[in-house]
Amino acid sequence: MLTSVRSLLAASILASAAVATPAFAQDETESDITVSGNVALVSDYRFRGFSLSDGDPAIQGGIDIAHSSGFYVGTWGSSIDDLGSGLGEMELDIYGGWSGEVTSGLTVDVGLLYYAYPAKSNGYGAADYFEPYLSLSTDLGPVNATVGVNYAWDQNSLGDQDNLYIHGELEAGIPNTPITLSAHLGYTDGFFTITSDGDAFDYSVGASVTVLGGLSLGVTYTGVEGPSINDFSDDAVVGTLSYSF
């Protein structure tokens, strides 16, 4: 509904401007600011292999504001399951950074993420934490490849531990079809593991299909190393219905 209202309003303003001041409209240049957003319904919210929705569906969405210089800010949220942790039933991520091509065919994305839990009941700031990130992306023929690292330093919400996360992704579209295939491998060393030695791999493979404009359907098989706990760390097939605008 929001998208429809915004589109109608924009169309109305542009139509009025074209009638009243056609010369001005022709002289207008493109804005340096780009606003984009997304909404999704997922059958299970998996974060690095772990379910944060107790195996149940979750509603998610976000908005990004980017400048032509490469700097951007954004926010993304998801419903979660409290699981007795005191986190409440919502995760809200706030982030900002810079992304751009640093040499021919190589794109860098660097920034800072803030994970917040607005409805938490375990005390102000007791669950929130910061995590800087850096990734490099390039095309290898028809395949887009990304490698990255996230690092959360020692923080109270992490039990005074740190956490290192290294990840890689591959993505490729099937020619002459609306289908995109993807694969992911991640490695965690630190707080966000349930293995005895404090490190673990997580993985996923999936496919998505664009069915209408920004509307897409996806399915992903995901898992994480460690004890298999039902609806938390067991392997799962996750379905996604999303819309980008």
C-alpha atoms as a PDB file:
ATOM      1  CA  MET A   1       0.000   0.000   0.000  1.00  0.00           C
ATOM      2  CA  LEU A   2       2.782   2.460   0.856  1.00  0.00           C
ATOM      3  CA  THR A   3       4.464   1.878  -2.490  1.00  0.00           C
ATOM      4  CA  SER A   4       1.196   2.442  -4.351  1.00  0.00           C
ATOM      5  CA  VAL A   5       0.438   5.663  -2.486  1.00  0.00           C
ATOM      6  CA  ARG A   6       3.964   6.992  -3.021  1.00  0.00           C
ATOM      7  CA  SER A   7       3.843   6.126  -6.729  1.00  0.00           C
ATOM      8  CA  LEU A   8       0.478   7.837  -7.196  1.00  0.00           C
ATOM      9  CA  LEU A   9       1.665  10.921  -5.338  1.00  0.00           C
ATOM     10  CA  ALA A  10       4.867  11.126  -7.388  1.00  0.00           C
ATOM     11  CA  ALA A  11       2.908  10.705 -10.640  1.00  0.00           C
ATOM     12  CA  SER A  12       0.506  13.454  -9.615  1.00  0.00           C
ATOM     13  CA  ILE A  13       3.318  15.881  -8.734  1.00  0.00           C
ATOM     14  CA  LEU A  14       5.190  15.188 -11.969  1.00  0.00           C
ATOM     15  CA  ALA A  15       2.049  15.589 -14.058  1.00  0.00           C
ATOM     16  CA  SER A  16       1.282  18.950 -12.424  1.00  0.00           C
ATOM     17  CA  ALA A  17       4.860  20.143 -12.928  1.00  0.00           C
ATOM     18  CA  ALA A  18       4.780  19.128 -16.590  1.00  0.00           C
ATOM     19  CA  VAL A  19       1.606  21.144 -17.205  1.00  0.00           C
ATOM     20  CA  ALA A  20       2.600  24.222 -15.215  1.00  0.00           C
ATOM     21  CA  THR A  21       6.321  24.478 -15.973  1.00  0.00           C
ATOM     22  CA  PRO A  22       7.399  22.251 -18.856  1.00  0.00           C
ATOM     23  CA  ALA A  23      10.687  24.101 -19.405  1.00  0.00           C
ATOM     24  CA  PHE A  24      11.726  23.588 -15.770  1.00  0.00           C
ATOM     25  CA  ALA A  25      10.898  19.881 -15.928  1.00  0.00           C
ATOM     26  CA  GLN A  26      13.133  19.449 -18.954  1.00  0.00           C
ATOM     27  CA  ASP A  27      16.059  21.122 -17.158  1.00  0.00           C
ATOM     28  CA  GLU A  28      15.840  18.924 -14.096  1.00  0.00           C
ATOM     29  CA  THR A  29      18.756  16.565 -13.463  1.00  0.00           C
ATOM     30  CA  GLU A  30      18.709  13.218 -11.726  1.00  0.00           C
ATOM     31  CA  SER A  31      18.971  13.284  -7.962  1.00  0.00           C
ATOM     32  CA  ASP A  32      22.188  12.095  -6.314  1.00  0.00           C
ATOM     33  CA  ILE A  33      20.058  10.303  -3.692  1.00  0.00           C
ATOM     34  CA  THR A  34      18.513   6.884  -4.288  1.00  0.00           C
ATOM     35  CA  VAL A  35      15.931   5.347  -1.963  1.00  0.00           C
ATOM     36  CA  SER A  36      15.140   1.640  -2.151  1.00  0.00           C
ATOM     37  CA  GLY A  37      13.303  -0.817   0.040  1.00  0.00           C
ATOM     38  CA  ASN A  38      12.221  -4.402   0.467  1.00  0.00           C
ATOM     39  CA  VAL A  39       9.659  -6.497   2.316  1.00  0.00           C
ATOM     40  CA  ALA A  40       9.623 -10.256   2.752  1.00  0.00           C
ATOM     41  CA  LEU A  41       7.798 -13.154   4.331  1.00  0.00           C
ATOM     42  CA  VAL A  42      10.082 -16.088   5.183  1.00  0.00           C
ATOM     43  CA  SER A  43       9.106 -19.516   6.482  1.00  0.00           C
ATOM     44  CA  ASP A  44      11.982 -19.365   9.013  1.00  0.00           C
ATOM     45  CA  TYR A  45      14.420 -16.561   9.916  1.00  0.00           C
ATOM     46  CA  ARG A  46      17.880 -18.157   9.753  1.00  0.00           C
ATOM     47  CA  PHE A  47      20.917 -16.111  10.819  1.00  0.00           C
ATOM     48  CA  ARG A  48      24.192 -17.812   9.902  1.00  0.00           C
ATOM     49  CA  GLY A  49      22.461 -21.164  10.091  1.00  0.00           C
ATOM     50  CA  PHE A  50      20.559 -20.603  13.355  1.00  0.00           C
ATOM     51  CA  SER A  51      16.812 -19.993  13.566  1.00  0.00           C
ATOM     52  CA  LEU A  52      15.891 -16.779  15.361  1.00  0.00           C
ATOM     53  CA  SER A  53      12.170 -17.374  14.849  1.00  0.00           C
ATOM     54  CA  ASP A  54      11.998 -20.828  16.477  1.00  0.00           C
ATOM     55  CA  GLY A  55      11.317 -22.432  13.097  1.00  0.00           C
ATOM     56  CA  ASP A  56       8.265 -20.240  12.514  1.00  0.00           C
ATOM     57  CA  PRO A  57       7.562 -17.696   9.745  1.00  0.00           C
ATOM     58  CA  ALA A  58       8.908 -14.160  10.093  1.00  0.00           C
ATOM     59  CA  ILE A  59       8.060 -10.798   8.539  1.00  0.00           C
ATOM     60  CA  GLN A  60      11.018  -8.715   7.395  1.00  0.00           C
ATOM     61  CA  GLY A  61      11.686  -5.427   5.662  1.00  0.00           C
ATOM     62  CA  GLY A  62      14.161  -2.634   5.194  1.00  0.00           C
ATOM     63  CA  ILE A  63      14.960   0.660   3.513  1.00  0.00           C
ATOM     64  CA  ASP A  64      18.233   2.073   2.146  1.00  0.00           C
ATOM     65  CA  ILE A  65      19.281   5.603   1.239  1.00  0.00           C
ATOM     66  CA  ALA A  66      22.335   5.828  -1.020  1.00  0.00           C
ATOM     67  CA  HIS A  67      24.297   8.762  -2.418  1.00  0.00           C
ATOM     68  CA  SER A  68      25.987   8.774  -5.813  1.00  0.00           C
ATOM     69  CA  SER A  69      29.330   9.111  -4.000  1.00  0.00           C
ATOM     70  CA  GLY A  70      28.875   5.560  -2.692  1.00  0.00           C
ATOM     71  CA  PHE A  71      27.950   6.388   0.907  1.00  0.00           C
ATOM     72  CA  TYR A  72      24.749   4.863   2.261  1.00  0.00           C
ATOM     73  CA  VAL A  73      22.663   4.333   5.391  1.00  0.00           C
ATOM     74  CA  GLY A  74      19.867   1.874   5.988  1.00  0.00           C
ATOM     75  CA  THR A  75      17.795  -0.110   8.391  1.00  0.00           C
ATOM     76  CA  TRP A  76      16.346  -3.621   8.312  1.00  0.00           C
ATOM     77  CA  GLY A  77      14.052  -5.413  10.728  1.00  0.00           C
ATOM     78  CA  SER A  78      12.617  -8.861  11.368  1.00  0.00           C
ATOM     79  CA  SER A  79      10.217 -10.478  13.749  1.00  0.00           C
ATOM     80  CA  ILE A  80      11.958 -13.019  16.002  1.00  0.00           C
ATOM     81  CA  ASP A  81      11.050 -15.447  18.773  1.00  0.00           C
ATOM     82  CA  ASP A  82      12.100 -14.416  22.282  1.00  0.00           C
ATOM     83  CA  LEU A  83      12.954 -18.035  23.272  1.00  0.00           C
ATOM     84  CA  GLY A  84      13.139 -16.905  26.894  1.00  0.00           C
ATOM     85  CA  SER A  85      16.224 -14.795  26.172  1.00  0.00           C
ATOM     86  CA  GLY A  86      14.659 -11.442  26.977  1.00  0.00           C
ATOM     87  CA  LEU A  87      15.353 -10.141  23.455  1.00  0.00           C
ATOM     88  CA  GLY A  88      11.701  -9.422  22.758  1.00  0.00           C
ATOM     89  CA  GLU A  89      10.095 -10.185  19.419  1.00  0.00           C
ATOM     90  CA  MET A  90      11.917  -7.827  17.058  1.00  0.00           C
ATOM     91  CA  GLU A  91      15.407  -7.363  15.665  1.00  0.00           C
ATOM     92  CA  LEU A  92      16.289  -3.974  14.172  1.00  0.00           C
ATOM     93  CA  ASP A  93      19.559  -3.518  12.288  1.00  0.00           C
ATOM     94  CA  ILE A  94      20.922  -0.036  11.565  1.00  0.00           C
ATOM     95  CA  TYR A  95      23.918   0.337   9.297  1.00  0.00           C
ATOM     96  CA  GLY A  96      25.970   2.759   7.263  1.00  0.00           C
ATOM     97  CA  GLY A  97      28.982   2.561   5.010  1.00  0.00           C
ATOM     98  CA  TRP A  98      30.498   3.065   1.592  1.00  0.00           C
ATOM     99  CA  SER A  99      30.353   0.874  -1.503  1.00  0.00           C
ATOM    100  CA  GLY A 100      32.005   1.403  -4.840  1.00  0.00           C
ATOM    101  CA  GLU A 101      34.286   0.090  -7.550  1.00  0.00           C
ATOM    102  CA  VAL A 102      37.910   0.570  -6.465  1.00  0.00           C
ATOM    103  CA  THR A 103      39.417  -0.901  -9.607  1.00  0.00           C
ATOM    104  CA  SER A 104      37.978  -2.306 -12.814  1.00  0.00           C
ATOM    105  CA  GLY A 105      35.567  -5.110 -11.919  1.00  0.00           C
ATOM    106  CA  LEU A 106      36.232  -5.057  -8.137  1.00  0.00           C
ATOM    107  CA  THR A 107      33.652  -3.597  -5.754  1.00  0.00           C
ATOM    108  CA  VAL A 108      34.294  -2.886  -2.063  1.00  0.00           C
ATOM    109  CA  ASP A 109      31.611  -2.560   0.623  1.00  0.00           C
ATOM    110  CA  VAL A 110      32.700  -1.388   4.089  1.00  0.00           C
ATOM    111  CA  GLY A 111      30.579  -0.247   7.006  1.00  0.00           C
ATOM    112  CA  LEU A 112      29.272  -0.678  10.530  1.00  0.00           C
ATOM    113  CA  LEU A 113      26.221  -2.668  11.671  1.00  0.00           C
ATOM    114  CA  TYR A 114      24.293  -2.085  14.894  1.00  0.00           C
ATOM    115  CA  TYR A 115      22.036  -4.954  15.997  1.00  0.00           C
ATOM    116  CA  ALA A 116      19.254  -3.678  18.267  1.00  0.00           C
ATOM    117  CA  TYR A 117      16.368  -5.373  20.081  1.00  0.00           C
ATOM    118  CA  PRO A 118      13.881  -2.565  20.892  1.00  0.00           C
ATOM    119  CA  ALA A 119      11.454  -4.780  22.836  1.00  0.00           C
ATOM    120  CA  LYS A 120      14.095  -6.511  24.974  1.00  0.00           C
ATOM    121  CA  SER A 121      13.359  -6.995  28.679  1.00  0.00           C
ATOM    122  CA  ASN A 122      16.894  -7.827  29.873  1.00  0.00           C
ATOM    123  CA  GLY A 123      18.003  -4.240  30.351  1.00  0.00           C
ATOM    124  CA  TYR A 124      19.022  -1.325  28.140  1.00  0.00           C
ATOM    125  CA  GLY A 125      21.890  -2.246  25.854  1.00  0.00           C
ATOM    126  CA  ALA A 126      22.227  -5.722  27.356  1.00  0.00           C
ATOM    127  CA  ALA A 127      21.631  -7.419  24.004  1.00  0.00           C
ATOM    128  CA  ASP A 128      22.559  -4.795  21.408  1.00  0.00           C
ATOM    129  CA  TYR A 129      25.967  -4.951  19.744  1.00  0.00           C
ATOM    130  CA  PHE A 130      28.100  -3.464  16.962  1.00  0.00           C
ATOM    131  CA  GLU A 131      29.746  -5.315  14.078  1.00  0.00           C
ATOM    132  CA  PRO A 132      31.976  -3.698  11.406  1.00  0.00           C
ATOM    133  CA  TYR A 133      32.076  -5.433   8.012  1.00  0.00           C
ATOM    134  CA  LEU A 134      34.088  -5.511   4.802  1.00  0.00           C
ATOM    135  CA  SER A 135      33.417  -7.383   1.558  1.00  0.00           C
ATOM    136  CA  LEU A 136      34.866  -7.622  -1.952  1.00  0.00           C
ATOM    137  CA  SER A 137      32.804  -8.562  -5.012  1.00  0.00           C
ATOM    138  CA  THR A 138      33.706  -9.339  -8.614  1.00  0.00           C
ATOM    139  CA  ASP A 139      32.389 -11.219 -11.627  1.00  0.00           C
ATOM    140  CA  LEU A 140      33.993 -14.510 -12.626  1.00  0.00           C
ATOM    141  CA  GLY A 141      32.482 -14.993 -16.048  1.00  0.00           C
ATOM    142  CA  PRO A 142      28.714 -15.406 -15.512  1.00  0.00           C
ATOM    143  CA  VAL A 143      29.148 -15.847 -11.743  1.00  0.00           C
ATOM    144  CA  ASN A 144      29.223 -13.016  -9.207  1.00  0.00           C
ATOM    145  CA  ALA A 145      31.570 -13.862  -6.313  1.00  0.00           C
ATOM    146  CA  THR A 146      31.751 -12.163  -2.905  1.00  0.00           C
ATOM    147  CA  VAL A 147      34.084 -12.680   0.056  1.00  0.00           C
ATOM    148  CA  GLY A 148      33.748 -10.780   3.304  1.00  0.00           C
ATOM    149  CA  VAL A 149      34.544 -10.520   6.982  1.00  0.00           C
ATOM    150  CA  ASN A 150      32.512  -9.253   9.964  1.00  0.00           C
ATOM    151  CA  TYR A 151      34.074  -8.703  13.366  1.00  0.00           C
ATOM    152  CA  ALA A 152      32.275  -7.940  16.624  1.00  0.00           C
ATOM    153  CA  TRP A 153      34.744  -6.893  19.304  1.00  0.00           C
ATOM    154  CA  ASP A 154      34.388  -7.704  23.035  1.00  0.00           C
ATOM    155  CA  GLN A 155      31.067  -6.275  24.218  1.00  0.00           C
ATOM    156  CA  ASN A 156      28.890  -6.806  27.293  1.00  0.00           C
ATOM    157  CA  SER A 157      26.080  -8.206  25.162  1.00  0.00           C
ATOM    158  CA  LEU A 158      28.480 -10.873  23.833  1.00  0.00           C
ATOM    159  CA  GLY A 159      29.514 -12.030  27.283  1.00  0.00           C
ATOM    160  CA  ASP A 160      32.754 -10.028  26.954  1.00  0.00           C
ATOM    161  CA  GLN A 161      33.745 -12.220  24.017  1.00  0.00           C
ATOM    162  CA  ASP A 162      34.466 -11.283  20.419  1.00  0.00           C
ATOM    163  CA  ASN A 163      33.212 -12.924  17.229  1.00  0.00           C
ATOM    164  CA  LEU A 164      34.850 -13.280  13.828  1.00  0.00           C
ATOM    165  CA  TYR A 165      32.752 -14.209  10.808  1.00  0.00           C
ATOM    166  CA  ILE A 166      34.245 -14.941   7.368  1.00  0.00           C
ATOM    167  CA  HIS A 167      31.943 -15.677   4.461  1.00  0.00           C
ATOM    168  CA  GLY A 168      31.790 -16.267   0.721  1.00  0.00           C
ATOM    169  CA  GLU A 169      28.917 -16.254  -1.780  1.00  0.00           C
ATOM    170  CA  LEU A 170      28.431 -17.256  -5.397  1.00  0.00           C
ATOM    171  CA  GLU A 171      25.456 -16.147  -7.500  1.00  0.00           C
ATOM    172  CA  ALA A 172      24.564 -16.731 -11.128  1.00  0.00           C
ATOM    173  CA  GLY A 173      21.504 -16.304 -13.278  1.00  0.00           C
ATOM    174  CA  ILE A 174      20.426 -19.063 -15.648  1.00  0.00           C
ATOM    175  CA  PRO A 175      20.509 -17.527 -19.161  1.00  0.00           C
ATOM    176  CA  ASN A 176      17.139 -16.727 -20.751  1.00  0.00           C
ATOM    177  CA  THR A 177      15.272 -17.498 -17.508  1.00  0.00           C
ATOM    178  CA  PRO A 178      14.193 -15.460 -14.447  1.00  0.00           C
ATOM    179  CA  ILE A 179      16.004 -17.977 -12.197  1.00  0.00           C
ATOM    180  CA  THR A 180      19.050 -17.142 -10.062  1.00  0.00           C
ATOM    181  CA  LEU A 181      21.137 -19.767  -8.234  1.00  0.00           C
ATOM    182  CA  SER A 182      23.160 -19.001  -5.108  1.00  0.00           C
ATOM    183  CA  ALA A 183      25.537 -20.667  -2.657  1.00  0.00           C
ATOM    184  CA  HIS A 184      27.008 -19.514   0.660  1.00  0.00           C
ATOM    185  CA  LEU A 185      29.706 -20.724   3.053  1.00  0.00           C
ATOM    186  CA  GLY A 186      30.485 -19.029   6.364  1.00  0.00           C
ATOM    187  CA  TYR A 187      32.925 -19.596   9.208  1.00  0.00           C
ATOM    188  CA  THR A 188      32.357 -18.349  12.766  1.00  0.00           C
ATOM    189  CA  ASP A 189      34.993 -18.161  15.510  1.00  0.00           C
ATOM    190  CA  GLY A 190      33.752 -16.832  18.821  1.00  0.00           C
ATOM    191  CA  PHE A 191      30.516 -16.093  20.632  1.00  0.00           C
ATOM    192  CA  PHE A 192      27.972 -17.128  17.979  1.00  0.00           C
ATOM    193  CA  THR A 193      28.613 -20.876  17.996  1.00  0.00           C
ATOM    194  CA  ILE A 194      27.355 -23.874  19.938  1.00  0.00           C
ATOM    195  CA  THR A 195      30.320 -26.165  19.266  1.00  0.00           C
ATOM    196  CA  SER A 196      32.714 -27.238  22.002  1.00  0.00           C
ATOM    197  CA  ASP A 197      35.714 -25.575  20.355  1.00  0.00           C
ATOM    198  CA  GLY A 198      33.987 -22.249  19.638  1.00  0.00           C
ATOM    199  CA  ASP A 199      34.134 -22.323  15.844  1.00  0.00           C
ATOM    200  CA  ALA A 200      31.759 -23.589  13.183  1.00  0.00           C
ATOM    201  CA  PHE A 201      30.865 -23.532   9.495  1.00  0.00           C
ATOM    202  CA  ASP A 202      27.432 -22.657   8.136  1.00  0.00           C
ATOM    203  CA  TYR A 203      26.242 -23.146   4.572  1.00  0.00           C
ATOM    204  CA  SER A 204      23.322 -22.688   2.217  1.00  0.00           C
ATOM    205  CA  VAL A 205      22.326 -23.294  -1.389  1.00  0.00           C
ATOM    206  CA  GLY A 206      19.278 -21.818  -3.012  1.00  0.00           C
ATOM    207  CA  ALA A 207      17.366 -20.576  -6.009  1.00  0.00           C
ATOM    208  CA  SER A 208      15.054 -17.660  -6.614  1.00  0.00           C
ATOM    209  CA  VAL A 209      12.773 -16.659  -9.459  1.00  0.00           C
ATOM    210  CA  THR A 210      11.421 -13.233 -10.356  1.00  0.00           C
ATOM    211  CA  VAL A 211       7.719 -13.651 -11.031  1.00  0.00           C
ATOM    212  CA  LEU A 212       6.557 -10.062 -11.537  1.00  0.00           C
ATOM    213  CA  GLY A 213       8.686  -6.910 -11.488  1.00  0.00           C
ATOM    214  CA  GLY A 214      10.246  -6.708  -8.020  1.00  0.00           C
ATOM    215  CA  LEU A 215       8.324  -9.722  -6.723  1.00  0.00           C
ATOM    216  CA  SER A 216      10.325 -12.922  -6.283  1.00  0.00           C
ATOM    217  CA  LEU A 217      10.022 -16.405  -4.805  1.00  0.00           C
ATOM    218  CA  GLY A 218      12.962 -18.272  -3.311  1.00  0.00           C
ATOM    219  CA  VAL A 219      13.878 -21.519  -1.616  1.00  0.00           C
ATOM    220  CA  THR A 220      17.085 -22.219   0.339  1.00  0.00           C
ATOM    221  CA  TYR A 221      18.563 -25.239   2.070  1.00  0.00           C
ATOM    222  CA  THR A 222      20.660 -24.146   5.057  1.00  0.00           C
ATOM    223  CA  GLY A 223      22.582 -25.699   7.929  1.00  0.00           C
ATOM    224  CA  VAL A 224      25.250 -25.050  10.562  1.00  0.00           C
ATOM    225  CA  GLU A 225      27.951 -27.155  12.201  1.00  0.00           C
ATOM    226  CA  GLY A 226      27.288 -28.328  15.758  1.00  0.00           C
ATOM    227  CA  PRO A 227      24.579 -30.170  17.711  1.00  0.00           C
ATOM    228  CA  SER A 228      21.298 -30.440  15.797  1.00  0.00           C
ATOM    229  CA  ILE A 229      18.625 -28.753  17.912  1.00  0.00           C
ATOM    230  CA  ASN A 230      15.112 -28.873  16.467  1.00  0.00           C
ATOM    231  CA  ASP A 231      13.923 -25.525  15.074  1.00  0.00           C
ATOM    232  CA  PHE A 232      17.204 -23.870  16.049  1.00  0.00           C
ATOM    233  CA  SER A 233      20.334 -25.439  14.579  1.00  0.00           C
ATOM    234  CA  ASP A 234      18.950 -28.303  12.514  1.00  0.00           C
ATOM    235  CA  ASP A 235      19.193 -28.223   8.720  1.00  0.00           C
ATOM    236  CA  ALA A 236      16.180 -26.537   7.160  1.00  0.00           C
ATOM    237  CA  VAL A 237      14.506 -25.610   3.899  1.00  0.00           C
ATOM    238  CA  VAL A 238      13.454 -21.966   3.959  1.00  0.00           C
ATOM    239  CA  GLY A 239      10.934 -20.412   1.591  1.00  0.00           C
ATOM    240  CA  THR A 240      10.873 -16.676   0.817  1.00  0.00           C
ATOM    241  CA  LEU A 241       8.333 -14.355  -0.791  1.00  0.00           C
ATOM    242  CA  SER A 242       9.864 -10.895  -1.260  1.00  0.00           C
ATOM    243  CA  TYR A 243       9.240  -7.597  -3.008  1.00  0.00           C
ATOM    244  CA  SER A 244      11.858  -4.927  -3.761  1.00  0.00           C
ATOM    245  CA  PHE A 245      11.073  -1.349  -4.729  1.00  0.00           C
END
